[in-house]
Structures are given as structure tokens and as C-alpha cells.
Amino acid sequence: MERICVYCGSRPGTDPAFVDAARAFGRLLAERDLGLVYGGGDVGLMGAVADSALAAGGEVIGVIPEALFEREVAHEGVTDLHVVDSMHTRKRRMADLADGFVALPGGFGTLEELVEMLTWAQLGFHTDPCGLLNVSGYYDGLVSFFDAQVDAGFVEPRHRELLVVTDDPTGLLDRFAAYESPVREQVVDDTEL
């Protein structure tokens, strides 16, 4: 494992624990010699995780679409900044650059990006780990919903195992290092992505 893709908010959120967790996670990635791949912004949790990884000597790769370059205030100080043509290109480039995917607190975009990676894992497009860093219980409701999807018969139990959920960043990366996907077969051809 060389790089972790982090999805998180372009805002800091209302709980100072969110920014603290983003800073701590960026630092932890650098300490473990894991590069950070993220949305390329210089604001909110995105800026906090990137700045922290950079300050600790880590590699930081940002991927941002042209349309958000100004709006999200692109981070000009990262190791490498990819400016791409669309959100679809952004998500695919981030996926191609990473060996695992983690969601910190964030909004609709954070959730959409994580769920897409879970779906790709379910379909066998990748076998990389996906995780939620559940800071201050932020994702408790979402985790309950995922469990309800299993109970209702819409998600297989082995597919629910695709998502690592913890409030411990060190434990999350330890589980990523030992991760083996419960899905080995590819359901459809991923060249259509």
C-alpha cells in the first residue's frame, strides 16, 4: 500500500474534533510513509488533512476539476496537483492513484465518493479497502442504515464487510494493511467506467 485516498468536507464542520481528526490523519499517513490522494482543495477538512500531511513530510496529490479550481480554492502547495475536466475524471483519477479509500466527515460529495468506491468493490472493479473514520459518532446513522440494508436483503453480509468502520485512525490503517477483500470475482467489465 502506497497511497490512501481521503474523502472529506470542503468545510470544517461544527465540531472542532472534525478538523483535529483530519490533521491527525494527515500526519499519521505521512508517519506511515503513505501518500495522500484527495480532492485538491485548500479549505475545510480537505485543507486540514493536506496541510498536516505536508507539514509531516508526506506526499500529497490533489485532484480537482477545473470548475472547482477557484470555488474550492485549489491547494497550490501540494506535491502534485491534477486539474481535470470533470467530476467523473476526478473520481477515476483519485481511484487510480490510491490503494485504499477513507471517508472523514463531510457532506453529500464525501458520501457519494465513498459509496461509489464501495460499489466498485462490490462489483469487483478493485479489491482495495474502504473505510469510515467515524469521528465523534458522525457516521453512526449511516452505519446503521448500511446494516439495515443487509437486514432488508438488499446488501449481502459479505458486501457489508467491504467497509471498515472505526473511530481509531491507527486501527483503521492497521486493518487496511491486513485487508483481504471478500469479493474476488468481477461482475461486469470495468472499461465502461
N, C-alpha and C. Protein backbone atom coordinates (compact mmCIF):
# COMPACT_ATOMS: atom_id res chain seq x y z
N MET A 1 0.85 -1.17 0.00
CA MET A 1 0.00 0.00 0.00
C MET A 1 0.90 1.24 0.00
N GLU A 2 0.66 2.11 -1.02
CA GLU A 2 1.48 3.31 -1.15
C GLU A 2 0.73 4.60 -0.86
N ARG A 3 -0.56 4.64 -1.24
CA ARG A 3 -1.33 5.87 -1.09
C ARG A 3 -2.75 5.57 -0.64
N ILE A 4 -3.28 6.49 0.18
CA ILE A 4 -4.66 6.40 0.65
C ILE A 4 -5.43 7.61 0.12
N CYS A 5 -6.58 7.36 -0.48
CA CYS A 5 -7.46 8.42 -0.93
C CYS A 5 -8.38 8.80 0.24
N VAL A 6 -8.42 10.08 0.54
CA VAL A 6 -9.27 10.57 1.62
C VAL A 6 -10.36 11.46 1.04
N TYR A 7 -11.59 11.11 1.35
CA TYR A 7 -12.75 11.93 1.01
C TYR A 7 -13.17 12.66 2.28
N CYS A 8 -13.41 13.97 2.17
CA CYS A 8 -13.81 14.74 3.35
C CYS A 8 -14.38 16.07 2.92
N GLY A 9 -14.90 16.80 3.89
CA GLY A 9 -15.60 18.04 3.62
C GLY A 9 -14.72 19.19 3.17
N SER A 10 -15.29 20.04 2.33
CA SER A 10 -14.63 21.29 1.95
C SER A 10 -14.97 22.39 2.95
N ARG A 11 -15.66 22.00 4.01
CA ARG A 11 -15.96 22.88 5.14
C ARG A 11 -15.39 22.23 6.40
N PRO A 12 -15.19 23.01 7.46
CA PRO A 12 -14.63 22.42 8.68
C PRO A 12 -15.65 21.70 9.56
N GLY A 13 -16.93 21.93 9.33
CA GLY A 13 -17.95 21.35 10.20
C GLY A 13 -18.07 22.13 11.49
N THR A 14 -19.02 21.74 12.33
CA THR A 14 -19.31 22.48 13.55
C THR A 14 -18.56 21.98 14.77
N ASP A 15 -18.03 20.77 14.71
CA ASP A 15 -17.32 20.18 15.85
C ASP A 15 -15.82 20.30 15.61
N PRO A 16 -15.07 20.96 16.49
CA PRO A 16 -13.61 21.07 16.32
C PRO A 16 -12.91 19.72 16.21
N ALA A 17 -13.56 18.66 16.69
CA ALA A 17 -12.98 17.31 16.59
C ALA A 17 -12.80 16.89 15.14
N PHE A 18 -13.62 17.42 14.23
CA PHE A 18 -13.51 17.06 12.81
C PHE A 18 -12.18 17.55 12.23
N VAL A 19 -11.85 18.81 12.47
CA VAL A 19 -10.59 19.36 11.97
C VAL A 19 -9.41 18.68 12.67
N ASP A 20 -9.53 18.46 13.97
CA ASP A 20 -8.45 17.78 14.70
C ASP A 20 -8.19 16.39 14.12
N ALA A 21 -9.26 15.67 13.79
CA ALA A 21 -9.12 14.32 13.24
C ALA A 21 -8.49 14.36 11.85
N ALA A 22 -8.87 15.35 11.04
CA ALA A 22 -8.28 15.48 9.70
C ALA A 22 -6.78 15.75 9.81
N ARG A 23 -6.41 16.66 10.71
CA ARG A 23 -4.98 16.95 10.90
C ARG A 23 -4.22 15.71 11.38
N ALA A 24 -4.80 15.02 12.35
CA ALA A 24 -4.14 13.83 12.90
C ALA A 24 -4.01 12.74 11.84
N PHE A 25 -5.03 12.58 10.99
CA PHE A 25 -4.97 11.54 9.97
C PHE A 25 -3.92 11.88 8.90
N GLY A 26 -3.85 13.14 8.49
CA GLY A 26 -2.81 13.54 7.54
C GLY A 26 -1.41 13.28 8.07
N ARG A 27 -1.22 13.63 9.34
CA ARG A 27 0.08 13.39 9.98
C ARG A 27 0.39 11.90 10.06
N LEU A 28 -0.62 11.10 10.42
CA LEU A 28 -0.44 9.65 10.54
C LEU A 28 -0.07 9.03 9.19
N LEU A 29 -0.71 9.49 8.12
CA LEU A 29 -0.36 8.97 6.80
C LEU A 29 1.11 9.24 6.49
N ALA A 30 1.56 10.45 6.74
CA ALA A 30 2.96 10.79 6.48
C ALA A 30 3.90 9.96 7.35
N GLU A 31 3.55 9.79 8.62
CA GLU A 31 4.39 8.99 9.53
C GLU A 31 4.50 7.55 9.07
N ARG A 32 3.47 7.04 8.43
CA ARG A 32 3.46 5.66 7.93
C ARG A 32 3.98 5.57 6.50
N ASP A 33 4.47 6.69 5.98
CA ASP A 33 5.00 6.75 4.62
C ASP A 33 3.94 6.37 3.59
N LEU A 34 2.72 6.79 3.85
CA LEU A 34 1.61 6.60 2.92
C LEU A 34 1.26 7.95 2.30
N GLY A 35 1.24 8.02 0.99
CA GLY A 35 0.85 9.24 0.32
C GLY A 35 -0.64 9.50 0.49
N LEU A 36 -1.00 10.77 0.41
CA LEU A 36 -2.40 11.19 0.48
C LEU A 36 -2.87 11.58 -0.91
N VAL A 37 -3.99 11.02 -1.33
CA VAL A 37 -4.70 11.45 -2.53
C VAL A 37 -6.01 12.05 -2.04
N TYR A 38 -6.33 13.25 -2.51
CA TYR A 38 -7.56 13.89 -2.02
C TYR A 38 -8.05 14.87 -3.07
N GLY A 39 -9.14 15.58 -2.77
CA GLY A 39 -9.83 16.43 -3.73
C GLY A 39 -9.17 17.71 -4.15
N GLY A 40 -7.98 18.02 -3.64
CA GLY A 40 -7.20 19.14 -4.13
C GLY A 40 -7.52 20.50 -3.54
N GLY A 41 -8.46 20.58 -2.60
CA GLY A 41 -8.85 21.87 -2.04
C GLY A 41 -7.96 22.31 -0.89
N ASP A 42 -8.00 23.62 -0.64
CA ASP A 42 -7.20 24.23 0.42
C ASP A 42 -8.09 24.72 1.56
N VAL A 43 -9.33 24.23 1.60
CA VAL A 43 -10.30 24.70 2.59
C VAL A 43 -10.91 23.53 3.34
N GLY A 44 -11.50 23.82 4.49
CA GLY A 44 -12.21 22.82 5.26
C GLY A 44 -11.32 21.66 5.69
N LEU A 45 -11.94 20.48 5.81
CA LEU A 45 -11.17 19.31 6.21
C LEU A 45 -10.17 18.92 5.14
N MET A 46 -10.50 19.20 3.87
CA MET A 46 -9.54 18.90 2.80
C MET A 46 -8.23 19.64 3.03
N GLY A 47 -8.31 20.91 3.31
CA GLY A 47 -7.09 21.68 3.56
C GLY A 47 -6.36 21.22 4.80
N ALA A 48 -7.12 20.86 5.84
CA ALA A 48 -6.50 20.42 7.10
C ALA A 48 -5.73 19.12 6.93
N VAL A 49 -6.31 18.14 6.24
CA VAL A 49 -5.62 16.86 6.07
C VAL A 49 -4.39 17.03 5.18
N ALA A 50 -4.51 17.84 4.13
CA ALA A 50 -3.38 18.07 3.23
C ALA A 50 -2.25 18.82 3.92
N ASP A 51 -2.59 19.92 4.61
CA ASP A 51 -1.56 20.71 5.29
C ASP A 51 -0.82 19.89 6.32
N SER A 52 -1.54 19.07 7.05
CA SER A 52 -0.93 18.25 8.09
C SER A 52 0.02 17.21 7.49
N ALA A 53 -0.42 16.55 6.42
CA ALA A 53 0.45 15.56 5.76
C ALA A 53 1.70 16.24 5.20
N LEU A 54 1.53 17.39 4.58
CA LEU A 54 2.68 18.12 4.04
C LEU A 54 3.64 18.55 5.14
N ALA A 55 3.11 19.06 6.25
CA ALA A 55 3.95 19.51 7.36
C ALA A 55 4.76 18.36 7.96
N ALA A 56 4.23 17.14 7.85
CA ALA A 56 4.93 15.97 8.38
C ALA A 56 5.82 15.32 7.33
N GLY A 57 5.97 15.96 6.17
CA GLY A 57 6.87 15.47 5.14
C GLY A 57 6.25 14.46 4.18
N GLY A 58 4.93 14.37 4.16
CA GLY A 58 4.26 13.38 3.31
C GLY A 58 4.03 13.85 1.89
N GLU A 59 3.77 12.87 1.03
CA GLU A 59 3.38 13.14 -0.35
C GLU A 59 1.88 13.44 -0.36
N VAL A 60 1.50 14.51 -1.07
CA VAL A 60 0.09 14.89 -1.17
C VAL A 60 -0.24 15.16 -2.63
N ILE A 61 -1.18 14.37 -3.15
CA ILE A 61 -1.63 14.53 -4.53
C ILE A 61 -3.07 15.00 -4.51
N GLY A 62 -3.31 16.17 -5.08
CA GLY A 62 -4.66 16.71 -5.17
C GLY A 62 -5.21 16.53 -6.58
N VAL A 63 -6.50 16.24 -6.66
CA VAL A 63 -7.17 16.11 -7.96
C VAL A 63 -8.43 16.96 -7.90
N ILE A 64 -8.49 17.98 -8.75
CA ILE A 64 -9.60 18.92 -8.70
C ILE A 64 -10.08 19.25 -10.11
N PRO A 65 -11.39 19.27 -10.32
CA PRO A 65 -11.90 19.65 -11.65
C PRO A 65 -11.77 21.16 -11.88
N GLU A 66 -11.63 21.52 -13.13
CA GLU A 66 -11.49 22.93 -13.49
C GLU A 66 -12.60 23.77 -12.88
N ALA A 67 -13.82 23.26 -12.90
CA ALA A 67 -14.98 24.01 -12.41
C ALA A 67 -14.89 24.33 -10.92
N LEU A 68 -14.13 23.54 -10.17
CA LEU A 68 -14.00 23.78 -8.73
C LEU A 68 -12.65 24.38 -8.35
N PHE A 69 -11.80 24.60 -9.33
CA PHE A 69 -10.45 25.11 -9.06
C PHE A 69 -10.49 26.38 -8.22
N GLU A 70 -11.35 27.31 -8.59
CA GLU A 70 -11.48 28.57 -7.85
C GLU A 70 -12.41 28.42 -6.65
N ARG A 71 -13.53 27.73 -6.85
CA ARG A 71 -14.56 27.62 -5.81
C ARG A 71 -14.04 26.94 -4.55
N GLU A 72 -13.33 25.83 -4.72
CA GLU A 72 -12.79 25.11 -3.56
C GLU A 72 -11.40 25.59 -3.19
N VAL A 73 -10.93 26.61 -3.87
CA VAL A 73 -9.62 27.19 -3.62
C VAL A 73 -8.56 26.09 -3.67
N ALA A 74 -8.12 25.78 -4.87
CA ALA A 74 -7.15 24.72 -5.09
C ALA A 74 -5.90 24.95 -4.25
N HIS A 75 -5.38 23.87 -3.71
CA HIS A 75 -4.19 23.92 -2.86
C HIS A 75 -2.95 23.92 -3.75
N GLU A 76 -2.31 25.06 -3.82
CA GLU A 76 -1.14 25.22 -4.70
C GLU A 76 0.14 24.64 -4.10
N GLY A 77 0.11 24.25 -2.82
CA GLY A 77 1.33 23.78 -2.17
C GLY A 77 1.49 22.28 -2.10
N VAL A 78 0.61 21.52 -2.77
CA VAL A 78 0.70 20.07 -2.69
C VAL A 78 1.85 19.55 -3.55
N THR A 79 2.20 18.31 -3.33
CA THR A 79 3.28 17.68 -4.09
C THR A 79 2.96 17.66 -5.57
N ASP A 80 1.72 17.34 -5.89
CA ASP A 80 1.28 17.25 -7.28
C ASP A 80 -0.21 17.59 -7.33
N LEU A 81 -0.58 18.52 -8.20
CA LEU A 81 -1.98 18.92 -8.34
C LEU A 81 -2.44 18.60 -9.76
N HIS A 82 -3.43 17.72 -9.87
CA HIS A 82 -4.02 17.36 -11.16
C HIS A 82 -5.30 18.19 -11.33
N VAL A 83 -5.34 19.02 -12.36
CA VAL A 83 -6.56 19.76 -12.69
C VAL A 83 -7.20 19.02 -13.86
N VAL A 84 -8.41 18.51 -13.64
CA VAL A 84 -9.06 17.64 -14.62
C VAL A 84 -10.34 18.29 -15.16
N ASP A 85 -10.93 17.64 -16.18
CA ASP A 85 -12.05 18.26 -16.89
C ASP A 85 -13.42 18.05 -16.25
N SER A 86 -13.57 17.06 -15.35
CA SER A 86 -14.90 16.79 -14.81
C SER A 86 -14.82 16.06 -13.47
N MET A 87 -15.96 16.00 -12.79
CA MET A 87 -16.03 15.24 -11.54
C MET A 87 -15.79 13.75 -11.80
N HIS A 88 -16.29 13.24 -12.90
CA HIS A 88 -16.09 11.83 -13.22
C HIS A 88 -14.60 11.52 -13.40
N THR A 89 -13.92 12.40 -14.12
CA THR A 89 -12.47 12.22 -14.31
C THR A 89 -11.75 12.32 -12.98
N ARG A 90 -12.18 13.25 -12.13
CA ARG A 90 -11.57 13.42 -10.81
C ARG A 90 -11.66 12.12 -10.01
N LYS A 91 -12.87 11.56 -9.94
CA LYS A 91 -13.07 10.36 -9.13
C LYS A 91 -12.26 9.19 -9.67
N ARG A 92 -12.24 9.03 -10.98
CA ARG A 92 -11.48 7.93 -11.56
C ARG A 92 -9.98 8.10 -11.33
N ARG A 93 -9.48 9.33 -11.49
CA ARG A 93 -8.05 9.59 -11.28
C ARG A 93 -7.67 9.32 -9.83
N MET A 94 -8.50 9.78 -8.90
CA MET A 94 -8.23 9.53 -7.49
C MET A 94 -8.19 8.04 -7.20
N ALA A 95 -9.13 7.29 -7.77
CA ALA A 95 -9.18 5.84 -7.57
C ALA A 95 -7.94 5.17 -8.15
N ASP A 96 -7.53 5.62 -9.33
CA ASP A 96 -6.35 5.02 -9.97
C ASP A 96 -5.07 5.27 -9.19
N LEU A 97 -5.01 6.40 -8.48
CA LEU A 97 -3.80 6.77 -7.75
C LEU A 97 -3.70 6.15 -6.36
N ALA A 98 -4.80 5.57 -5.86
CA ALA A 98 -4.86 5.14 -4.46
C ALA A 98 -4.93 3.62 -4.32
N ASP A 99 -4.59 3.17 -3.12
CA ASP A 99 -4.62 1.75 -2.75
C ASP A 99 -5.62 1.49 -1.63
N GLY A 100 -6.39 2.49 -1.25
CA GLY A 100 -7.39 2.38 -0.21
C GLY A 100 -8.13 3.70 -0.14
N PHE A 101 -9.34 3.66 0.46
CA PHE A 101 -10.23 4.81 0.45
C PHE A 101 -10.82 5.03 1.84
N VAL A 102 -10.71 6.26 2.34
CA VAL A 102 -11.20 6.59 3.68
C VAL A 102 -12.07 7.84 3.61
N ALA A 103 -13.22 7.79 4.26
CA ALA A 103 -14.07 8.97 4.38
C ALA A 103 -13.95 9.51 5.80
N LEU A 104 -13.56 10.78 5.88
CA LEU A 104 -13.66 11.56 7.11
C LEU A 104 -15.02 12.27 7.04
N PRO A 105 -15.42 13.00 8.07
CA PRO A 105 -16.69 13.72 7.98
C PRO A 105 -16.75 14.62 6.75
N GLY A 106 -17.94 14.74 6.20
CA GLY A 106 -18.16 15.56 5.01
C GLY A 106 -19.62 15.55 4.63
N GLY A 107 -19.90 16.13 3.49
CA GLY A 107 -21.28 16.26 3.03
C GLY A 107 -21.66 15.25 1.97
N PHE A 108 -22.56 15.66 1.09
CA PHE A 108 -23.07 14.77 0.05
C PHE A 108 -21.95 14.22 -0.83
N GLY A 109 -21.02 15.09 -1.23
CA GLY A 109 -19.94 14.66 -2.11
C GLY A 109 -19.07 13.59 -1.48
N THR A 110 -18.76 13.76 -0.20
CA THR A 110 -17.96 12.77 0.52
C THR A 110 -18.67 11.42 0.53
N LEU A 111 -19.94 11.46 0.85
CA LEU A 111 -20.72 10.23 0.90
C LEU A 111 -20.81 9.58 -0.48
N GLU A 112 -21.07 10.38 -1.50
CA GLU A 112 -21.20 9.85 -2.86
C GLU A 112 -19.89 9.19 -3.31
N GLU A 113 -18.77 9.82 -3.02
CA GLU A 113 -17.48 9.26 -3.44
C GLU A 113 -17.19 7.93 -2.73
N LEU A 114 -17.44 7.88 -1.44
CA LEU A 114 -17.21 6.63 -0.71
C LEU A 114 -18.13 5.52 -1.21
N VAL A 115 -19.41 5.83 -1.37
CA VAL A 115 -20.35 4.80 -1.80
C VAL A 115 -20.00 4.30 -3.21
N GLU A 116 -19.51 5.18 -4.06
CA GLU A 116 -19.09 4.72 -5.38
C GLU A 116 -17.94 3.73 -5.27
N MET A 117 -16.97 4.00 -4.41
CA MET A 117 -15.86 3.06 -4.23
C MET A 117 -16.33 1.74 -3.63
N LEU A 118 -17.30 1.80 -2.71
CA LEU A 118 -17.89 0.57 -2.17
C LEU A 118 -18.59 -0.23 -3.27
N THR A 119 -19.31 0.48 -4.13
CA THR A 119 -20.00 -0.19 -5.23
C THR A 119 -18.99 -0.83 -6.18
N TRP A 120 -17.92 -0.12 -6.50
CA TRP A 120 -16.89 -0.67 -7.37
C TRP A 120 -16.26 -1.91 -6.73
N ALA A 121 -16.06 -1.87 -5.41
CA ALA A 121 -15.51 -3.04 -4.72
C ALA A 121 -16.49 -4.21 -4.76
N GLN A 122 -17.76 -3.92 -4.56
CA GLN A 122 -18.80 -4.95 -4.60
C GLN A 122 -18.84 -5.62 -5.97
N LEU A 123 -18.63 -4.83 -7.02
CA LEU A 123 -18.65 -5.36 -8.38
C LEU A 123 -17.32 -5.97 -8.81
N GLY A 124 -16.32 -5.90 -7.94
CA GLY A 124 -15.03 -6.50 -8.24
C GLY A 124 -14.12 -5.64 -9.10
N PHE A 125 -14.42 -4.35 -9.24
CA PHE A 125 -13.56 -3.46 -10.03
C PHE A 125 -12.24 -3.19 -9.33
N HIS A 126 -12.23 -3.29 -8.00
CA HIS A 126 -10.99 -3.18 -7.23
C HIS A 126 -11.14 -4.04 -5.99
N THR A 127 -10.02 -4.33 -5.35
CA THR A 127 -10.01 -5.13 -4.12
C THR A 127 -9.37 -4.35 -2.98
N ASP A 128 -9.36 -3.02 -3.10
CA ASP A 128 -8.77 -2.16 -2.09
C ASP A 128 -9.74 -1.91 -0.94
N PRO A 129 -9.22 -1.64 0.25
CA PRO A 129 -10.09 -1.40 1.40
C PRO A 129 -10.79 -0.04 1.34
N CYS A 130 -11.98 0.00 1.91
CA CYS A 130 -12.76 1.22 2.06
C CYS A 130 -13.07 1.39 3.55
N GLY A 131 -12.96 2.60 4.06
CA GLY A 131 -13.20 2.80 5.48
C GLY A 131 -13.87 4.11 5.81
N LEU A 132 -14.54 4.10 6.96
CA LEU A 132 -15.10 5.31 7.55
C LEU A 132 -14.34 5.60 8.82
N LEU A 133 -13.77 6.78 8.93
CA LEU A 133 -13.22 7.23 10.20
C LEU A 133 -14.36 7.97 10.90
N ASN A 134 -14.97 7.28 11.83
CA ASN A 134 -16.22 7.73 12.45
C ASN A 134 -15.94 8.68 13.61
N VAL A 135 -15.56 9.89 13.29
CA VAL A 135 -15.17 10.91 14.27
C VAL A 135 -16.39 11.37 15.05
N SER A 136 -16.32 11.27 16.36
CA SER A 136 -17.39 11.74 17.25
C SER A 136 -18.76 11.15 16.88
N GLY A 137 -18.77 9.94 16.36
CA GLY A 137 -20.02 9.28 16.00
C GLY A 137 -20.71 9.86 14.78
N TYR A 138 -19.98 10.67 14.00
CA TYR A 138 -20.58 11.36 12.85
C TYR A 138 -21.32 10.40 11.91
N TYR A 139 -20.76 9.21 11.70
CA TYR A 139 -21.34 8.28 10.74
C TYR A 139 -22.21 7.19 11.38
N ASP A 140 -22.57 7.32 12.63
CA ASP A 140 -23.38 6.28 13.29
C ASP A 140 -24.67 5.99 12.53
N GLY A 141 -25.38 7.02 12.10
CA GLY A 141 -26.63 6.83 11.39
C GLY A 141 -26.43 6.13 10.05
N LEU A 142 -25.35 6.48 9.36
CA LEU A 142 -25.06 5.84 8.07
C LEU A 142 -24.72 4.37 8.26
N VAL A 143 -23.93 4.07 9.27
CA VAL A 143 -23.57 2.67 9.55
C VAL A 143 -24.82 1.87 9.89
N SER A 144 -25.72 2.45 10.67
CA SER A 144 -26.98 1.78 10.97
C SER A 144 -27.79 1.53 9.71
N PHE A 145 -27.79 2.49 8.81
CA PHE A 145 -28.50 2.33 7.54
C PHE A 145 -27.89 1.19 6.72
N PHE A 146 -26.57 1.14 6.64
CA PHE A 146 -25.92 0.05 5.90
C PHE A 146 -26.30 -1.31 6.51
N ASP A 147 -26.33 -1.38 7.83
CA ASP A 147 -26.74 -2.62 8.49
C ASP A 147 -28.20 -2.95 8.18
N ALA A 148 -29.06 -1.93 8.12
CA ALA A 148 -30.46 -2.14 7.77
C ALA A 148 -30.60 -2.63 6.34
N GLN A 149 -29.71 -2.20 5.44
CA GLN A 149 -29.74 -2.70 4.06
C GLN A 149 -29.48 -4.21 4.02
N VAL A 150 -28.57 -4.67 4.89
CA VAL A 150 -28.30 -6.11 4.99
C VAL A 150 -29.54 -6.82 5.52
N ASP A 151 -30.10 -6.30 6.62
CA ASP A 151 -31.29 -6.91 7.23
C ASP A 151 -32.46 -6.98 6.26
N ALA A 152 -32.58 -5.99 5.38
CA ALA A 152 -33.69 -5.94 4.42
C ALA A 152 -33.41 -6.76 3.16
N GLY A 153 -32.22 -7.34 3.07
CA GLY A 153 -31.92 -8.20 1.94
C GLY A 153 -31.41 -7.51 0.69
N PHE A 154 -31.02 -6.24 0.81
CA PHE A 154 -30.51 -5.52 -0.36
C PHE A 154 -29.00 -5.55 -0.47
N VAL A 155 -28.31 -5.86 0.62
CA VAL A 155 -26.86 -5.95 0.62
C VAL A 155 -26.48 -7.28 1.27
N GLU A 156 -25.62 -8.03 0.60
CA GLU A 156 -25.15 -9.29 1.17
C GLU A 156 -24.24 -9.01 2.36
N PRO A 157 -24.27 -9.85 3.38
CA PRO A 157 -23.38 -9.65 4.53
C PRO A 157 -21.90 -9.54 4.15
N ARG A 158 -21.47 -10.32 3.17
CA ARG A 158 -20.05 -10.24 2.77
C ARG A 158 -19.75 -8.89 2.12
N HIS A 159 -20.73 -8.28 1.48
CA HIS A 159 -20.51 -6.96 0.90
C HIS A 159 -20.49 -5.88 1.98
N ARG A 160 -21.23 -6.07 3.04
CA ARG A 160 -21.17 -5.14 4.18
C ARG A 160 -19.77 -5.14 4.78
N GLU A 161 -19.09 -6.30 4.70
CA GLU A 161 -17.72 -6.42 5.22
C GLU A 161 -16.71 -5.62 4.41
N LEU A 162 -17.11 -5.11 3.26
CA LEU A 162 -16.22 -4.29 2.45
C LEU A 162 -15.86 -2.98 3.13
N LEU A 163 -16.67 -2.55 4.09
CA LEU A 163 -16.47 -1.25 4.74
C LEU A 163 -15.93 -1.44 6.16
N VAL A 164 -14.74 -0.91 6.39
CA VAL A 164 -14.12 -0.90 7.71
C VAL A 164 -14.58 0.37 8.42
N VAL A 165 -15.16 0.23 9.62
CA VAL A 165 -15.66 1.38 10.36
C VAL A 165 -15.00 1.41 11.73
N THR A 166 -14.39 2.55 12.07
CA THR A 166 -13.77 2.71 13.38
C THR A 166 -13.57 4.20 13.67
N ASP A 167 -13.40 4.52 14.94
CA ASP A 167 -13.05 5.90 15.31
C ASP A 167 -11.55 6.03 15.59
N ASP A 168 -10.80 4.95 15.36
CA ASP A 168 -9.37 4.90 15.65
C ASP A 168 -8.55 4.92 14.35
N PRO A 169 -7.89 6.04 14.03
CA PRO A 169 -7.17 6.13 12.76
C PRO A 169 -6.02 5.11 12.65
N THR A 170 -5.33 4.86 13.74
CA THR A 170 -4.24 3.88 13.70
C THR A 170 -4.80 2.48 13.44
N GLY A 171 -5.87 2.14 14.14
CA GLY A 171 -6.52 0.85 13.92
C GLY A 171 -7.05 0.71 12.51
N LEU A 172 -7.56 1.80 11.94
CA LEU A 172 -8.06 1.77 10.57
C LEU A 172 -6.94 1.40 9.61
N LEU A 173 -5.79 2.06 9.74
CA LEU A 173 -4.68 1.77 8.83
C LEU A 173 -4.10 0.38 9.07
N ASP A 174 -4.13 -0.08 10.33
CA ASP A 174 -3.69 -1.46 10.62
C ASP A 174 -4.59 -2.46 9.90
N ARG A 175 -5.89 -2.21 9.96
CA ARG A 175 -6.84 -3.11 9.29
C ARG A 175 -6.69 -3.03 7.77
N PHE A 176 -6.39 -1.86 7.27
CA PHE A 176 -6.14 -1.72 5.83
C PHE A 176 -4.92 -2.55 5.42
N ALA A 177 -3.87 -2.51 6.23
CA ALA A 177 -2.63 -3.25 5.90
C ALA A 177 -2.88 -4.75 5.83
N ALA A 178 -3.82 -5.25 6.61
CA ALA A 178 -4.11 -6.69 6.64
C ALA A 178 -5.34 -7.06 5.81
N TYR A 179 -5.91 -6.12 5.10
CA TYR A 179 -7.19 -6.30 4.43
C TYR A 179 -7.12 -7.30 3.27
N GLU A 180 -8.12 -8.16 3.22
CA GLU A 180 -8.35 -9.03 2.06
C GLU A 180 -9.83 -8.90 1.69
N SER A 181 -10.08 -8.50 0.47
CA SER A 181 -11.47 -8.29 0.03
C SER A 181 -12.25 -9.59 0.05
N PRO A 182 -13.49 -9.54 0.52
CA PRO A 182 -14.35 -10.73 0.46
C PRO A 182 -14.90 -10.98 -0.94
N VAL A 183 -14.64 -10.06 -1.89
CA VAL A 183 -15.11 -10.19 -3.26
C VAL A 183 -13.91 -10.41 -4.17
N ARG A 184 -13.91 -11.49 -4.90
CA ARG A 184 -12.79 -11.79 -5.80
C ARG A 184 -13.19 -11.78 -7.27
N GLU A 185 -14.47 -11.94 -7.55
CA GLU A 185 -14.90 -12.00 -8.94
C GLU A 185 -15.37 -10.63 -9.42
N GLN A 186 -15.11 -10.35 -10.69
CA GLN A 186 -15.57 -9.11 -11.29
C GLN A 186 -16.92 -9.38 -11.95
N VAL A 187 -17.92 -8.60 -11.58
CA VAL A 187 -19.28 -8.83 -12.06
C VAL A 187 -19.47 -8.35 -13.50
N VAL A 188 -18.94 -7.16 -13.80
CA VAL A 188 -19.06 -6.60 -15.14
C VAL A 188 -17.71 -6.02 -15.54
N ASP A 189 -17.55 -5.71 -16.81
CA ASP A 189 -16.31 -5.17 -17.35
C ASP A 189 -16.16 -3.71 -16.90
N ASP A 190 -15.04 -3.38 -16.24
CA ASP A 190 -14.86 -2.02 -15.72
C ASP A 190 -14.37 -1.02 -16.76
N THR A 191 -14.17 -1.43 -18.00
CA THR A 191 -13.73 -0.48 -19.02
C THR A 191 -14.83 0.52 -19.34
N GLU A 192 -16.06 0.24 -18.90
CA GLU A 192 -17.16 1.16 -19.17
C GLU A 192 -17.22 2.30 -18.15
N LEU A 193 -16.41 2.24 -17.12
CA LEU A 193 -16.43 3.28 -16.08
C LEU A 193 -15.92 4.60 -16.62
